[in-house]
PDB file of all heavy atoms in Angstrom:
ATOM      1  N   GLY A   1      81.863 102.796 113.176  1.00  0.00           N
ATOM      2  CA  GLY A   1      81.903 104.251 113.244  1.00  0.00           C
ATOM      3  C   GLY A   1      83.294 104.804 113.419  1.00  0.00           C
ATOM      4  O   GLY A   1      83.500 106.024 113.355  1.00  0.00           O
ATOM      5  N   THR A   2      84.269 103.932 113.652  1.00  0.00           N
ATOM      6  CA  THR A   2      85.658 104.348 113.828  1.00  0.00           C
ATOM      7  C   THR A   2      86.560 103.729 112.769  1.00  0.00           C
ATOM      8  O   THR A   2      87.307 104.415 112.078  1.00  0.00           O
ATOM      9  CB  THR A   2      86.165 103.950 115.229  1.00  0.00           C
ATOM     10  OG1 THR A   2      85.313 104.541 116.216  1.00  0.00           O
ATOM     11  CG2 THR A   2      87.585 104.432 115.455  1.00  0.00           C
ATOM     12  N   TYR A   3      86.510 102.405 112.655  1.00  0.00           N
ATOM     13  CA  TYR A   3      87.288 101.665 111.674  1.00  0.00           C
ATOM     14  C   TYR A   3      86.369 100.761 110.863  1.00  0.00           C
ATOM     15  O   TYR A   3      85.345 100.276 111.365  1.00  0.00           O
ATOM     16  CB  TYR A   3      88.357 100.793 112.344  1.00  0.00           C
ATOM     17  CG  TYR A   3      89.551 101.545 112.874  1.00  0.00           C
ATOM     18  CD1 TYR A   3      89.704 101.776 114.242  1.00  0.00           C
ATOM     19  CD2 TYR A   3      90.535 102.027 112.021  1.00  0.00           C
ATOM     20  CE1 TYR A   3      90.803 102.463 114.741  1.00  0.00           C
ATOM     21  CE2 TYR A   3      91.636 102.717 112.506  1.00  0.00           C
ATOM     22  CZ  TYR A   3      91.771 102.933 113.866  1.00  0.00           C
ATOM     23  OH  TYR A   3      92.856 103.615 114.342  1.00  0.00           O
ATOM     24  N   ARG A   4      86.761 100.527 109.606  1.00  0.00           N
ATOM     25  CA  ARG A   4      86.068  99.579 108.738  1.00  0.00           C
ATOM     26  C   ARG A   4      86.984  98.398 108.482  1.00  0.00           C
ATOM     27  O   ARG A   4      88.187  98.580 108.223  1.00  0.00           O
ATOM     28  CB  ARG A   4      85.710 100.230 107.395  1.00  0.00           C
ATOM     29  CG  ARG A   4      84.955  99.326 106.430  1.00  0.00           C
ATOM     30  CD  ARG A   4      84.685 100.037 105.112  1.00  0.00           C
ATOM     31  NE  ARG A   4      85.894 100.125 104.308  1.00  0.00           N
ATOM     32  CZ  ARG A   4      86.282  99.175 103.448  1.00  0.00           C
ATOM     33  NH1 ARG A   4      85.563  98.077 103.297  1.00  0.00           N
ATOM     34  NH2 ARG A   4      87.380  99.339 102.747  1.00  0.00           N
ATOM     35  N   LEU A   5      86.446  97.165 108.586  1.00  0.00           N
ATOM     36  CA  LEU A   5      87.261  95.987 108.291  1.00  0.00           C
ATOM     37  C   LEU A   5      87.412  95.881 106.776  1.00  0.00           C
ATOM     38  O   LEU A   5      86.450  95.628 106.056  1.00  0.00           O
ATOM     39  CB  LEU A   5      86.638  94.717 108.854  1.00  0.00           C
ATOM     40  CG  LEU A   5      87.477  93.450 108.612  1.00  0.00           C
ATOM     41  CD1 LEU A   5      88.823  93.548 109.320  1.00  0.00           C
ATOM     42  CD2 LEU A   5      86.734  92.193 109.055  1.00  0.00           C
ATOM     43  N   ALA A   6      88.651  96.080 106.285  1.00  0.00           N
ATOM     44  CA  ALA A   6      88.915  96.093 104.850  1.00  0.00           C
ATOM     45  C   ALA A   6      89.314  94.720 104.323  1.00  0.00           C
ATOM     46  O   ALA A   6      89.022  94.391 103.173  1.00  0.00           O
ATOM     47  CB  ALA A   6      90.017  97.102 104.537  1.00  0.00           C
ATOM     48  N   ALA A   7      90.006  93.924 105.143  1.00  0.00           N
ATOM     49  CA  ALA A   7      90.496  92.629 104.658  1.00  0.00           C
ATOM     50  C   ALA A   7      90.759  91.709 105.832  1.00  0.00           C
ATOM     51  O   ALA A   7      91.033  92.151 106.963  1.00  0.00           O
ATOM     52  CB  ALA A   7      91.772  92.809 103.829  1.00  0.00           C
ATOM     53  N   GLU A   8      90.684  90.420 105.551  1.00  0.00           N
ATOM     54  CA  GLU A   8      90.988  89.380 106.543  1.00  0.00           C
ATOM     55  C   GLU A   8      91.809  88.303 105.865  1.00  0.00           C
ATOM     56  O   GLU A   8      91.502  87.887 104.744  1.00  0.00           O
ATOM     57  CB  GLU A   8      89.687  88.787 107.100  1.00  0.00           C
ATOM     58  CG  GLU A   8      89.910  87.647 108.094  1.00  0.00           C
ATOM     59  CD  GLU A   8      89.644  86.255 107.511  1.00  0.00           C
ATOM     60  OE1 GLU A   8      89.651  86.101 106.270  1.00  0.00           O
ATOM     61  OE2 GLU A   8      89.448  85.318 108.288  1.00  0.00           O
ATOM     62  N   HIS A   9      92.887  87.891 106.525  1.00  0.00           N
ATOM     63  CA  HIS A   9      93.729  86.814 106.017  1.00  0.00           C
ATOM     64  C   HIS A   9      94.090  85.906 107.186  1.00  0.00           C
ATOM     65  O   HIS A   9      94.407  86.393 108.276  1.00  0.00           O
ATOM     66  CB  HIS A   9      95.007  87.354 105.380  1.00  0.00           C
ATOM     67  CG  HIS A   9      94.780  88.187 104.158  1.00  0.00           C
ATOM     68  ND1 HIS A   9      94.411  89.519 104.230  1.00  0.00           N
ATOM     69  CD2 HIS A   9      94.843  87.886 102.837  1.00  0.00           C
ATOM     70  CE1 HIS A   9      94.267  89.989 102.997  1.00  0.00           C
ATOM     71  NE2 HIS A   9      94.513  89.029 102.145  1.00  0.00           N
ATOM     72  N   ALA A  10      94.063  84.617 106.970  1.00  0.00           N
ATOM     73  CA  ALA A  10      94.412  83.649 108.019  1.00  0.00           C
ATOM     74  C   ALA A  10      95.549  82.752 107.531  1.00  0.00           C
ATOM     75  O   ALA A  10      95.636  82.420 106.343  1.00  0.00           O
ATOM     76  CB  ALA A  10      93.198  82.815 108.401  1.00  0.00           C
ATOM     77  N   PHE A  11      96.398  82.369 108.473  1.00  0.00           N
ATOM     78  CA  PHE A  11      97.538  81.493 108.201  1.00  0.00           C
ATOM     79  C   PHE A  11      97.653  80.493 109.345  1.00  0.00           C
ATOM     80  O   PHE A  11      97.184  80.745 110.457  1.00  0.00           O
ATOM     81  CB  PHE A  11      98.840  82.301 108.120  1.00  0.00           C
ATOM     82  CG  PHE A  11      98.917  83.268 106.972  1.00  0.00           C
ATOM     83  CD1 PHE A  11      98.335  84.524 107.067  1.00  0.00           C
ATOM     84  CD2 PHE A  11      99.593  82.942 105.805  1.00  0.00           C
ATOM     85  CE1 PHE A  11      98.408  85.434 106.022  1.00  0.00           C
ATOM     86  CE2 PHE A  11      99.672  83.847 104.756  1.00  0.00           C
ATOM     87  CZ  PHE A  11      99.077  85.090 104.859  1.00  0.00           C
ATOM     88  N   HIS A  12      98.327  79.367 109.081  1.00  0.00           N
ATOM     89  CA  HIS A  12      98.556  78.404 110.158  1.00  0.00           C
ATOM     90  C   HIS A  12      99.918  77.744 109.986  1.00  0.00           C
ATOM     91  O   HIS A  12     100.504  77.742 108.903  1.00  0.00           O
ATOM     92  CB  HIS A  12      97.451  77.330 110.183  1.00  0.00           C
ATOM     93  CG  HIS A  12      97.617  76.256 109.136  1.00  0.00           C
ATOM     94  ND1 HIS A  12      98.294  75.077 109.368  1.00  0.00           N
ATOM     95  CD2 HIS A  12      97.188  76.193 107.852  1.00  0.00           C
ATOM     96  CE1 HIS A  12      98.276  74.324 108.282  1.00  0.00           C
ATOM     97  NE2 HIS A  12      97.618  74.983 107.344  1.00  0.00           N
ATOM     98  N   GLY A  13     100.385  77.156 111.096  1.00  0.00           N
ATOM     99  CA  GLY A  13     101.628  76.402 111.089  1.00  0.00           C
ATOM    100  C   GLY A  13     102.125  76.164 112.488  1.00  0.00           C
ATOM    101  O   GLY A  13     102.001  77.028 113.360  1.00  0.00           O
ATOM    102  N   ASP A  14     102.657  74.972 112.730  1.00  0.00           N
ATOM    103  CA  ASP A  14     103.318  74.644 113.992  1.00  0.00           C
ATOM    104  C   ASP A  14     102.443  74.946 115.214  1.00  0.00           C
ATOM    105  O   ASP A  14     102.863  75.619 116.159  1.00  0.00           O
ATOM    106  CB  ASP A  14     104.645  75.405 114.100  1.00  0.00           C
ATOM    107  CG  ASP A  14     105.549  74.858 115.217  1.00  0.00           C
ATOM    108  OD1 ASP A  14     105.371  73.687 115.591  1.00  0.00           O
ATOM    109  OD2 ASP A  14     106.415  75.612 115.696  1.00  0.00           O
ATOM    110  N   GLY A  15     101.193  74.441 115.181  1.00  0.00           N
ATOM    111  CA  GLY A  15     100.305  74.599 116.320  1.00  0.00           C
ATOM    112  C   GLY A  15      99.692  75.965 116.470  1.00  0.00           C
ATOM    113  O   GLY A  15      99.114  76.277 117.519  1.00  0.00           O
ATOM    114  N   LEU A  16      99.789  76.789 115.438  1.00  0.00           N
ATOM    115  CA  LEU A  16      99.316  78.165 115.520  1.00  0.00           C
ATOM    116  C   LEU A  16      98.382  78.453 114.357  1.00  0.00           C
ATOM    117  O   LEU A  16      98.660  78.090 113.210  1.00  0.00           O
ATOM    118  CB  LEU A  16     100.507  79.120 115.471  1.00  0.00           C
ATOM    119  CG  LEU A  16     100.279  80.593 115.767  1.00  0.00           C
ATOM    120  CD1 LEU A  16      99.847  80.806 117.201  1.00  0.00           C
ATOM    121  CD2 LEU A  16     101.560  81.386 115.482  1.00  0.00           C
ATOM    122  N   LEU A  17      97.266  79.115 114.662  1.00  0.00           N
ATOM    123  CA  LEU A  17      96.338  79.614 113.651  1.00  0.00           C
ATOM    124  C   LEU A  17      96.145  81.100 113.929  1.00  0.00           C
ATOM    125  O   LEU A  17      95.854  81.492 115.064  1.00  0.00           O
ATOM    126  CB  LEU A  17      95.004  78.872 113.735  1.00  0.00           C
ATOM    127  CG  LEU A  17      93.862  79.343 112.836  1.00  0.00           C
ATOM    128  CD1 LEU A  17      94.213  79.192 111.367  1.00  0.00           C
ATOM    129  CD2 LEU A  17      92.588  78.563 113.155  1.00  0.00           C
ATOM    130  N   ILE A  18      96.339  81.929 112.899  1.00  0.00           N
ATOM    131  CA  ILE A  18      96.286  83.382 113.085  1.00  0.00           C
ATOM    132  C   ILE A  18      95.337  83.994 112.079  1.00  0.00           C
ATOM    133  O   ILE A  18      95.416  83.715 110.880  1.00  0.00           O
ATOM    134  CB  ILE A  18      97.671  84.042 112.907  1.00  0.00           C
ATOM    135  CG1 ILE A  18      98.738  83.341 113.737  1.00  0.00           C
ATOM    136  CG2 ILE A  18      97.605  85.522 113.282  1.00  0.00           C
ATOM    137  CD1 ILE A  18     100.135  83.912 113.529  1.00  0.00           C
ATOM    138  N   ARG A  19      94.420  84.845 112.578  1.00  0.00           N
ATOM    139  CA  ARG A  19      93.651  85.720 111.703  1.00  0.00           C
ATOM    140  C   ARG A  19      94.274  87.115 111.778  1.00  0.00           C
ATOM    141  O   ARG A  19      94.405  87.688 112.871  1.00  0.00           O
ATOM    142  CB  ARG A  19      92.195  85.822 112.152  1.00  0.00           C
ATOM    143  CG  ARG A  19      91.300  84.658 111.809  1.00  0.00           C
ATOM    144  CD  ARG A  19      89.846  85.082 111.974  1.00  0.00           C
ATOM    145  NE  ARG A  19      88.934  83.975 112.127  1.00  0.00           N
ATOM    146  CZ  ARG A  19      88.356  83.328 111.111  1.00  0.00           C
ATOM    147  NH1 ARG A  19      88.647  83.669 109.881  1.00  0.00           N
ATOM    148  NH2 ARG A  19      87.508  82.342 111.345  1.00  0.00           N
ATOM    149  N   PHE A  20      94.638  87.654 110.630  1.00  0.00           N
ATOM    150  CA  PHE A  20      95.099  89.034 110.532  1.00  0.00           C
ATOM    151  C   PHE A  20      93.947  89.871 109.998  1.00  0.00           C
ATOM    152  O   PHE A  20      93.340  89.533 108.978  1.00  0.00           O
ATOM    153  CB  PHE A  20      96.300  89.151 109.595  1.00  0.00           C
ATOM    154  CG  PHE A  20      97.540  88.466 110.086  1.00  0.00           C
ATOM    155  CD1 PHE A  20      97.924  87.242 109.566  1.00  0.00           C
ATOM    156  CD2 PHE A  20      98.332  89.041 111.068  1.00  0.00           C
ATOM    157  CE1 PHE A  20      99.074  86.600 110.004  1.00  0.00           C
ATOM    158  CE2 PHE A  20      99.478  88.412 111.523  1.00  0.00           C
ATOM    159  CZ  PHE A  20      99.859  87.192 110.989  1.00  0.00           C
ATOM    160  N   LEU A  21      93.662  90.979 110.662  1.00  0.00           N
ATOM    161  CA  LEU A  21      92.554  91.850 110.296  1.00  0.00           C
ATOM    162  C   LEU A  21      93.102  93.223 109.916  1.00  0.00           C
ATOM    163  O   LEU A  21      93.780  93.877 110.713  1.00  0.00           O
ATOM    164  CB  LEU A  21      91.579  91.987 111.468  1.00  0.00           C
ATOM    165  CG  LEU A  21      91.076  90.663 112.071  1.00  0.00           C
ATOM    166  CD1 LEU A  21      90.272  90.939 113.342  1.00  0.00           C
ATOM    167  CD2 LEU A  21      90.239  89.891 111.056  1.00  0.00           C
ATOM    168  N   ASP A  22      92.830  93.645 108.679  1.00  0.00           N
ATOM    169  CA  ASP A  22      93.256  94.950 108.191  1.00  0.00           C
ATOM    170  C   ASP A  22      92.074  95.922 108.263  1.00  0.00           C
ATOM    171  O   ASP A  22      91.017  95.646 107.679  1.00  0.00           O
ATOM    172  CB  ASP A  22      93.729  94.858 106.740  1.00  0.00           C
ATOM    173  CG  ASP A  22      95.183  94.456 106.626  1.00  0.00           C
ATOM    174  OD1 ASP A  22      95.717  93.927 107.612  1.00  0.00           O
ATOM    175  OD2 ASP A  22      95.771  94.658 105.545  1.00  0.00           O
ATOM    176  N   PHE A  23      92.278  97.021 108.947  1.00  0.00           N
ATOM    177  CA  PHE A  23      91.221  98.024 109.103  1.00  0.00           C
ATOM    178  C   PHE A  23      91.583  99.310 108.356  1.00  0.00           C
ATOM    179  O   PHE A  23      92.760  99.598 108.127  1.00  0.00           O
ATOM    180  CB  PHE A  23      91.004  98.344 110.587  1.00  0.00           C
ATOM    181  CG  PHE A  23      90.434  97.204 111.381  1.00  0.00           C
ATOM    182  CD1 PHE A  23      91.266  96.322 112.051  1.00  0.00           C
ATOM    183  CD2 PHE A  23      89.065  97.007 111.457  1.00  0.00           C
ATOM    184  CE1 PHE A  23      90.745  95.260 112.786  1.00  0.00           C
ATOM    185  CE2 PHE A  23      88.536  95.953 112.186  1.00  0.00           C
ATOM    186  CZ  PHE A  23      89.373  95.075 112.850  1.00  0.00           C
ATOM    187  N   GLU A  24      90.555 100.060 108.005  1.00  0.00           N
ATOM    188  CA  GLU A  24      90.725 101.392 107.435  1.00  0.00           C
ATOM    189  C   GLU A  24      90.060 102.399 108.355  1.00  0.00           C
ATOM    190  O   GLU A  24      88.893 102.208 108.740  1.00  0.00           O
ATOM    191  CB  GLU A  24      90.086 101.476 106.043  1.00  0.00           C
ATOM    192  CG  GLU A  24      90.779 100.648 104.987  1.00  0.00           C
ATOM    193  CD  GLU A  24      90.075 100.727 103.639  1.00  0.00           C
ATOM    194  OE1 GLU A  24      88.926 101.246 103.611  1.00  0.00           O
ATOM    195  OE2 GLU A  24      90.659 100.288 102.646  1.00  0.00           O
ATOM    196  N   PRO A  25      90.755 103.477 108.722  1.00  0.00           N
ATOM    197  CA  PRO A  25      90.120 104.493 109.569  1.00  0.00           C
ATOM    198  C   PRO A  25      89.060 105.253 108.789  1.00  0.00           C
ATOM    199  O   PRO A  25      89.229 105.544 107.603  1.00  0.00           O
ATOM    200  CB  PRO A  25      91.283 105.406 109.964  1.00  0.00           C
ATOM    201  CG  PRO A  25      92.296 105.210 108.881  1.00  0.00           C
ATOM    202  CD  PRO A  25      92.147 103.801 108.388  1.00  0.00           C
ATOM    203  N   LEU A  26      87.963 105.555 109.445  1.00  0.00           N
ATOM    204  CA  LEU A  26      86.929 106.359 108.814  1.00  0.00           C
ATOM    205  C   LEU A  26      87.312 107.840 108.868  1.00  0.00           C
ATOM    206  O   LEU A  26      88.283 108.227 109.525  1.00  0.00           O
ATOM    207  CB  LEU A  26      85.590 106.109 109.496  1.00  0.00           C
ATOM    208  CG  LEU A  26      85.098 104.642 109.424  1.00  0.00           C
ATOM    209  CD1 LEU A  26      83.713 104.522 110.052  1.00  0.00           C
ATOM    210  CD2 LEU A  26      85.093 104.121 107.991  1.00  0.00           C
ATOM    211  N   ALA A  27      86.543 108.655 108.200  1.00  0.00           N
ATOM    212  CA  ALA A  27      86.918 110.061 108.018  1.00  0.00           C
ATOM    213  C   ALA A  27      87.038 110.812 109.334  1.00  0.00           C
ATOM    214  O   ALA A  27      87.763 111.811 109.424  1.00  0.00           O
ATOM    215  CB  ALA A  27      85.905 110.750 107.105  1.00  0.00           C
ATOM    216  N   ASN A  28      86.327 110.354 110.375  1.00  0.00           N
ATOM    217  CA  ASN A  28      86.361 111.085 111.641  1.00  0.00           C
ATOM    218  C   ASN A  28      87.589 110.762 112.486  1.00  0.00           C
ATOM    219  O   ASN A  28      87.783 111.355 113.548  1.00  0.00           O
ATOM    220  CB  ASN A  28      85.099 110.785 112.460  1.00  0.00           C
ATOM    221  CG  ASN A  28      84.962 109.304 112.797  1.00  0.00           C
ATOM    222  OD1 ASN A  28      85.311 108.455 111.983  1.00  0.00           O
ATOM    223  ND2 ASN A  28      84.450 109.000 113.974  1.00  0.00           N
ATOM    224  N   MET A  29      88.427 109.800 112.031  1.00  0.00           N
ATOM    225  CA  MET A  29      89.613 109.427 112.801  1.00  0.00           C
ATOM    226  C   MET A  29      90.762 110.380 112.493  1.00  0.00           C
ATOM    227  O   MET A  29      90.979 110.757 111.344  1.00  0.00           O
ATOM    228  CB  MET A  29      90.028 107.997 112.463  1.00  0.00           C
ATOM    229  CG  MET A  29      89.100 106.945 113.048  1.00  0.00           C
ATOM    230  SD  MET A  29      89.140 106.936 114.865  1.00  0.00           S
ATOM    231  CE  MET A  29      90.782 106.305 115.163  1.00  0.00           C
ATOM    232  N   PRO A  30      91.523 110.784 113.512  1.00  0.00           N
ATOM    233  CA  PRO A  30      92.679 111.649 113.258  1.00  0.00           C
ATOM    234  C   PRO A  30      93.761 110.895 112.499  1.00  0.00           C
ATOM    235  O   PRO A  30      93.869 109.668 112.591  1.00  0.00           O
ATOM    236  CB  PRO A  30      93.148 112.040 114.668  1.00  0.00           C
ATOM    237  CG  PRO A  30      92.655 110.927 115.551  1.00  0.00           C
ATOM    238  CD  PRO A  30      91.359 110.476 114.948  1.00  0.00           C
ATOM    239  N   THR A  31      94.554 111.621 111.729  1.00  0.00           N
ATOM    240  CA  THR A  31      95.662 111.001 111.019  1.00  0.00           C
ATOM    241  C   THR A  31      96.783 110.688 112.010  1.00  0.00           C
ATOM    242  O   THR A  31      96.823 111.215 113.115  1.00  0.00           O
ATOM    243  CB  THR A  31      96.193 111.929 109.920  1.00  0.00           C
ATOM    244  OG1 THR A  31      96.602 113.170 110.516  1.00  0.00           O
ATOM    245  CG2 THR A  31      95.108 112.198 108.879  1.00  0.00           C
ATOM    246  N   GLY A  32      97.690 109.821 111.586  1.00  0.00           N
ATOM    247  CA  GLY A  32      98.788 109.448 112.459  1.00  0.00           C
ATOM    248  C   GLY A  32      98.758 107.972 112.775  1.00  0.00           C
ATOM    249  O   GLY A  32      98.117 107.172 112.085  1.00  0.00           O
ATOM    250  N   ALA A  33      99.458 107.588 113.829  1.00  0.00           N
ATOM    251  CA  ALA A  33      99.566 106.183 114.198  1.00  0.00           C
ATOM    252  C   ALA A  33      98.190 105.626 114.569  1.00  0.00           C
ATOM    253  O   ALA A  33      97.356 106.342 115.142  1.00  0.00           O
ATOM    254  CB  ALA A  33     100.524 106.025 115.373  1.00  0.00           C
ATOM    255  N   PRO A  34      97.933 104.348 114.244  1.00  0.00           N
ATOM    256  CA  PRO A  34      96.655 103.748 114.622  1.00  0.00           C
ATOM    257  C   PRO A  34      96.432 103.784 116.130  1.00  0.00           C
ATOM    258  O   PRO A  34      97.369 103.672 116.923  1.00  0.00           O
ATOM    259  CB  PRO A  34      96.802 102.295 114.130  1.00  0.00           C
ATOM    260  CG  PRO A  34      97.844 102.347 113.071  1.00  0.00           C
ATOM    261  CD  PRO A  34      98.790 103.426 113.479  1.00  0.00           C
ATOM    262  N   ASP A  35      95.193 103.978 116.529  1.00  0.00           N
ATOM    263  CA  ASP A  35      94.807 104.052 117.926  1.00  0.00           C
ATOM    264  C   ASP A  35      94.512 102.637 118.420  1.00  0.00           C
ATOM    265  O   ASP A  35      93.499 102.037 118.042  1.00  0.00           O
ATOM    266  CB  ASP A  35      93.575 104.949 118.063  1.00  0.00           C
ATOM    267  CG  ASP A  35      93.170 105.189 119.510  1.00  0.00           C
ATOM    268  OD1 ASP A  35      93.305 104.258 120.331  1.00  0.00           O
ATOM    269  OD2 ASP A  35      92.697 106.285 119.824  1.00  0.00           O
ATOM    270  N   ALA A  36      95.411 102.079 119.253  1.00  0.00           N
ATOM    271  CA  ALA A  36      95.258 100.704 119.704  1.00  0.00           C
ATOM    272  C   ALA A  36      93.962 100.514 120.479  1.00  0.00           C
ATOM    273  O   ALA A  36      93.252  99.513 120.284  1.00  0.00           O
ATOM    274  CB  ALA A  36      96.463 100.295 120.551  1.00  0.00           C
ATOM    275  N   ASP A  37      93.635 101.454 121.362  1.00  0.00           N
ATOM    276  CA  ASP A  37      92.403 101.323 122.148  1.00  0.00           C
ATOM    277  C   ASP A  37      91.176 101.310 121.238  1.00  0.00           C
ATOM    278  O   ASP A  37      90.229 100.559 121.462  1.00  0.00           O
ATOM    279  CB  ASP A  37      92.294 102.461 123.161  1.00  0.00           C
ATOM    280  CG  ASP A  37      93.309 102.330 124.294  1.00  0.00           C
ATOM    281  OD1 ASP A  37      93.780 101.197 124.539  1.00  0.00           O
ATOM    282  OD2 ASP A  37      93.620 103.349 124.933  1.00  0.00           O
ATOM    283  N   ALA A  38      91.192 102.153 120.198  1.00  0.00           N
ATOM    284  CA  ALA A  38      90.065 102.192 119.271  1.00  0.00           C
ATOM    285  C   ALA A  38      89.965 100.886 118.485  1.00  0.00           C
ATOM    286  O   ALA A  38      88.867 100.396 118.205  1.00  0.00           O
ATOM    287  CB  ALA A  38      90.207 103.371 118.317  1.00  0.00           C
ATOM    288  N   LEU A  39      91.112 100.293 118.125  1.00  0.00           N
ATOM    289  CA  LEU A  39      91.089  99.016 117.418  1.00  0.00           C
ATOM    290  C   LEU A  39      90.510  97.917 118.306  1.00  0.00           C
ATOM    291  O   LEU A  39      89.709  97.089 117.841  1.00  0.00           O
ATOM    292  CB  LEU A  39      92.495  98.638 116.962  1.00  0.00           C
ATOM    293  CG  LEU A  39      93.033  99.389 115.744  1.00  0.00           C
ATOM    294  CD1 LEU A  39      94.510  99.079 115.541  1.00  0.00           C
ATOM    295  CD2 LEU A  39      92.254  99.021 114.491  1.00  0.00           C
ATOM    296  N   TYR A  40      90.907  97.901 119.572  1.00  0.00           N
ATOM    297  CA  TYR A  40      90.346  96.902 120.492  1.00  0.00           C
ATOM    298  C   TYR A  40      88.837  97.119 120.669  1.00  0.00           C
ATOM    299  O   TYR A  40      88.072  96.153 120.777  1.00  0.00           O
ATOM    300  CB  TYR A  40      91.058  96.957 121.834  1.00  0.00           C
ATOM    301  CG  TYR A  40      92.429  96.319 121.837  1.00  0.00           C
ATOM    302  CD1 TYR A  40      93.551  97.001 122.285  1.00  0.00           C
ATOM    303  CD2 TYR A  40      92.602  95.009 121.396  1.00  0.00           C
ATOM    304  CE1 TYR A  40      94.814  96.416 122.284  1.00  0.00           C
ATOM    305  CE2 TYR A  40      93.861  94.417 121.396  1.00  0.00           C
ATOM    306  CZ  TYR A  40      94.963  95.127 121.843  1.00  0.00           C
ATOM    307  OH  TYR A  40      96.204  94.541 121.842  1.00  0.00           O
ATOM    308  N   ALA A  41      88.403  98.378 120.680  1.00  0.00           N
ATOM    309  CA  ALA A  41      86.976  98.652 120.792  1.00  0.00           C
ATOM    310  C   ALA A  41      86.232  98.176 119.552  1.00  0.00           C
ATOM    311  O   ALA A  41      85.108  97.658 119.649  1.00  0.00           O
ATOM    312  CB  ALA A  41      86.753 100.153 121.007  1.00  0.00           C
ATOM    313  N   THR A  42      86.848  98.316 118.389  1.00  0.00           N
ATOM    314  CA  THR A  42      86.246  97.807 117.158  1.00  0.00           C
ATOM    315  C   THR A  42      86.127  96.292 117.221  1.00  0.00           C
ATOM    316  O   THR A  42      85.128  95.710 116.778  1.00  0.00           O
ATOM    317  CB  THR A  42      87.088  98.224 115.935  1.00  0.00           C
ATOM    318  OG1 THR A  42      87.173  99.646 115.888  1.00  0.00           O
ATOM    319  CG2 THR A  42      86.469  97.715 114.641  1.00  0.00           C
TER     320      THR A  42
END
């Protein structure tokens, strides 16, 4: 209801595995910088 998961990419190397998650704000989200608290809630 806040963000939609648009893409997922994972990489690894040197003891590290990372998932990167790209989100798209839905129409009800204000424009501007991404809301970190809202992303954590998602």
